[in-house]
Amino acid sequence: MTDRPVADLSFEEAMKELEGVVSQLERGDVALDESIRLYERGAELKKRCEAKLKEAEEKVAAITLDGEGQPAGLKTVEGL
């Protein structure tokens, strides 16, 4: 686990760290205080991953297709 701010992590970095947090919590071999800290970090990482996925979904949804189903451009999507 890193001490980098969650907001600075890419989706891939956040997902990898979240997997590590879940693994540690599932093993159950950490002290209660550490478990709480891990859980809180995991919740932040989950939120970051969800936000990055939503952002990607919005970008994909913004791609317009021509009559043949080929990408023809981007439509304006609020917030992008």
C-alpha atoms as a PDB file:
ATOM      1  CA  MET A   1       0.000   0.000   0.000  1.00  0.00           C
ATOM      2  CA  THR A   2       1.254   3.446  -0.862  1.00  0.00           C
ATOM      3  CA  ASP A   3       0.765   6.726   0.935  1.00  0.00           C
ATOM      4  CA  ARG A   4       0.103   8.590  -2.311  1.00  0.00           C
ATOM      5  CA  PRO A   5      -3.135  10.541  -2.350  1.00  0.00           C
ATOM      6  CA  VAL A   6      -5.878   8.451  -3.953  1.00  0.00           C
ATOM      7  CA  ALA A   7      -6.753  11.343  -6.277  1.00  0.00           C
ATOM      8  CA  ASP A   8      -3.271  11.072  -7.832  1.00  0.00           C
ATOM      9  CA  LEU A   9      -3.644   7.388  -8.752  1.00  0.00           C
ATOM     10  CA  SER A  10      -4.573   6.132 -12.202  1.00  0.00           C
ATOM     11  CA  PHE A  11      -7.381   3.599 -12.473  1.00  0.00           C
ATOM     12  CA  GLU A  12      -4.865   0.789 -12.798  1.00  0.00           C
ATOM     13  CA  GLU A  13      -2.839   1.917  -9.788  1.00  0.00           C
ATOM     14  CA  ALA A  14      -5.950   2.327  -7.648  1.00  0.00           C
ATOM     15  CA  MET A  15      -7.301  -1.075  -8.683  1.00  0.00           C
ATOM     16  CA  LYS A  16      -4.012  -2.816  -7.941  1.00  0.00           C
ATOM     17  CA  GLU A  17      -3.775  -1.198  -4.525  1.00  0.00           C
ATOM     18  CA  LEU A  18      -7.434  -2.007  -3.804  1.00  0.00           C
ATOM     19  CA  GLU A  19      -6.768  -5.666  -4.620  1.00  0.00           C
ATOM     20  CA  GLY A  20      -3.896  -5.612  -2.131  1.00  0.00           C
ATOM     21  CA  VAL A  21      -6.077  -4.046   0.554  1.00  0.00           C
ATOM     22  CA  VAL A  22      -8.798  -6.650   0.040  1.00  0.00           C
ATOM     23  CA  SER A  23      -6.227  -9.430   0.184  1.00  0.00           C
ATOM     24  CA  GLN A  24      -4.825  -8.157   3.483  1.00  0.00           C
ATOM     25  CA  LEU A  25      -8.279  -7.778   5.001  1.00  0.00           C
ATOM     26  CA  GLU A  26      -9.323 -11.253   3.856  1.00  0.00           C
ATOM     27  CA  ARG A  27      -6.256 -12.826   5.457  1.00  0.00           C
ATOM     28  CA  GLY A  28      -7.281 -11.284   8.765  1.00  0.00           C
ATOM     29  CA  ASP A  29      -3.729 -11.144  10.070  1.00  0.00           C
ATOM     30  CA  VAL A  30      -3.597  -7.408  10.749  1.00  0.00           C
ATOM     31  CA  ALA A  31      -4.376  -5.582  13.968  1.00  0.00           C
ATOM     32  CA  LEU A  32      -7.752  -3.922  14.421  1.00  0.00           C
ATOM     33  CA  ASP A  33      -6.418  -0.368  14.020  1.00  0.00           C
ATOM     34  CA  GLU A  34      -4.611  -1.369  10.814  1.00  0.00           C
ATOM     35  CA  SER A  35      -7.744  -3.132   9.556  1.00  0.00           C
ATOM     36  CA  ILE A  36      -9.743   0.057  10.051  1.00  0.00           C
ATOM     37  CA  ARG A  37      -7.102   2.102   8.230  1.00  0.00           C
ATOM     38  CA  LEU A  38      -7.030  -0.440   5.390  1.00  0.00           C
ATOM     39  CA  TYR A  39     -10.821  -0.436   5.154  1.00  0.00           C
ATOM     40  CA  GLU A  40     -10.918   3.372   4.946  1.00  0.00           C
ATOM     41  CA  ARG A  41      -8.196   3.406   2.273  1.00  0.00           C
ATOM     42  CA  GLY A  42     -10.038   0.677   0.392  1.00  0.00           C
ATOM     43  CA  ALA A  43     -13.251   2.711   0.419  1.00  0.00           C
ATOM     44  CA  GLU A  44     -11.373   5.697  -1.051  1.00  0.00           C
ATOM     45  CA  LEU A  45      -9.756   3.481  -3.700  1.00  0.00           C
ATOM     46  CA  LYS A  46     -13.129   1.965  -4.646  1.00  0.00           C
ATOM     47  CA  LYS A  47     -14.604   5.437  -5.046  1.00  0.00           C
ATOM     48  CA  ARG A  48     -11.659   6.488  -7.249  1.00  0.00           C
ATOM     49  CA  CYS A  49     -12.039   3.400  -9.461  1.00  0.00           C
ATOM     50  CA  GLU A  50     -15.774   3.998  -9.840  1.00  0.00           C
ATOM     51  CA  ALA A  51     -15.205   7.639 -10.787  1.00  0.00           C
ATOM     52  CA  LYS A  52     -12.566   6.736 -13.391  1.00  0.00           C
ATOM     53  CA  LEU A  53     -14.854   4.050 -14.876  1.00  0.00           C
ATOM     54  CA  LYS A  54     -17.752   6.506 -15.077  1.00  0.00           C
ATOM     55  CA  GLU A  55     -15.485   9.016 -16.783  1.00  0.00           C
ATOM     56  CA  ALA A  56     -14.433   6.395 -19.342  1.00  0.00           C
ATOM     57  CA  GLU A  57     -18.047   5.319 -19.930  1.00  0.00           C
ATOM     58  CA  GLU A  58     -19.038   8.915 -20.595  1.00  0.00           C
ATOM     59  CA  LYS A  59     -16.230   9.298 -23.119  1.00  0.00           C
ATOM     60  CA  VAL A  60     -17.276   6.114 -24.923  1.00  0.00           C
ATOM     61  CA  ALA A  61     -20.909   7.241 -24.893  1.00  0.00           C
ATOM     62  CA  ALA A  62     -19.824  10.498 -26.521  1.00  0.00           C
ATOM     63  CA  ILE A  63     -18.517   8.719 -29.632  1.00  0.00           C
ATOM     64  CA  THR A  64     -20.967   9.068 -32.516  1.00  0.00           C
ATOM     65  CA  LEU A  65     -21.269   6.487 -35.277  1.00  0.00           C
ATOM     66  CA  ASP A  66     -22.021   7.039 -38.965  1.00  0.00           C
ATOM     67  CA  GLY A  67     -24.587   5.054 -40.955  1.00  0.00           C
ATOM     68  CA  GLU A  68     -22.154   2.156 -41.323  1.00  0.00           C
ATOM     69  CA  GLY A  69     -21.413   1.941 -37.620  1.00  0.00           C
ATOM     70  CA  GLN A  70     -17.989   3.560 -37.907  1.00  0.00           C
ATOM     71  CA  PRO A  71     -16.827   6.242 -35.460  1.00  0.00           C
ATOM     72  CA  ALA A  72     -17.688   9.595 -37.012  1.00  0.00           C
ATOM     73  CA  GLY A  73     -16.860  12.040 -34.245  1.00  0.00           C
ATOM     74  CA  LEU A  74     -17.737  13.061 -30.749  1.00  0.00           C
ATOM     75  CA  LYS A  75     -20.903  14.598 -29.430  1.00  0.00           C
ATOM     76  CA  THR A  76     -20.721  17.125 -26.669  1.00  0.00           C
ATOM     77  CA  VAL A  77     -21.206  15.567 -23.258  1.00  0.00           C
ATOM     78  CA  GLU A  78     -21.676  17.792 -20.229  1.00  0.00           C
ATOM     79  CA  GLY A  79     -18.613  17.695 -17.944  1.00  0.00           C
ATOM     80  CA  LEU A  80     -16.071  16.335 -20.434  1.00  0.00           C
END
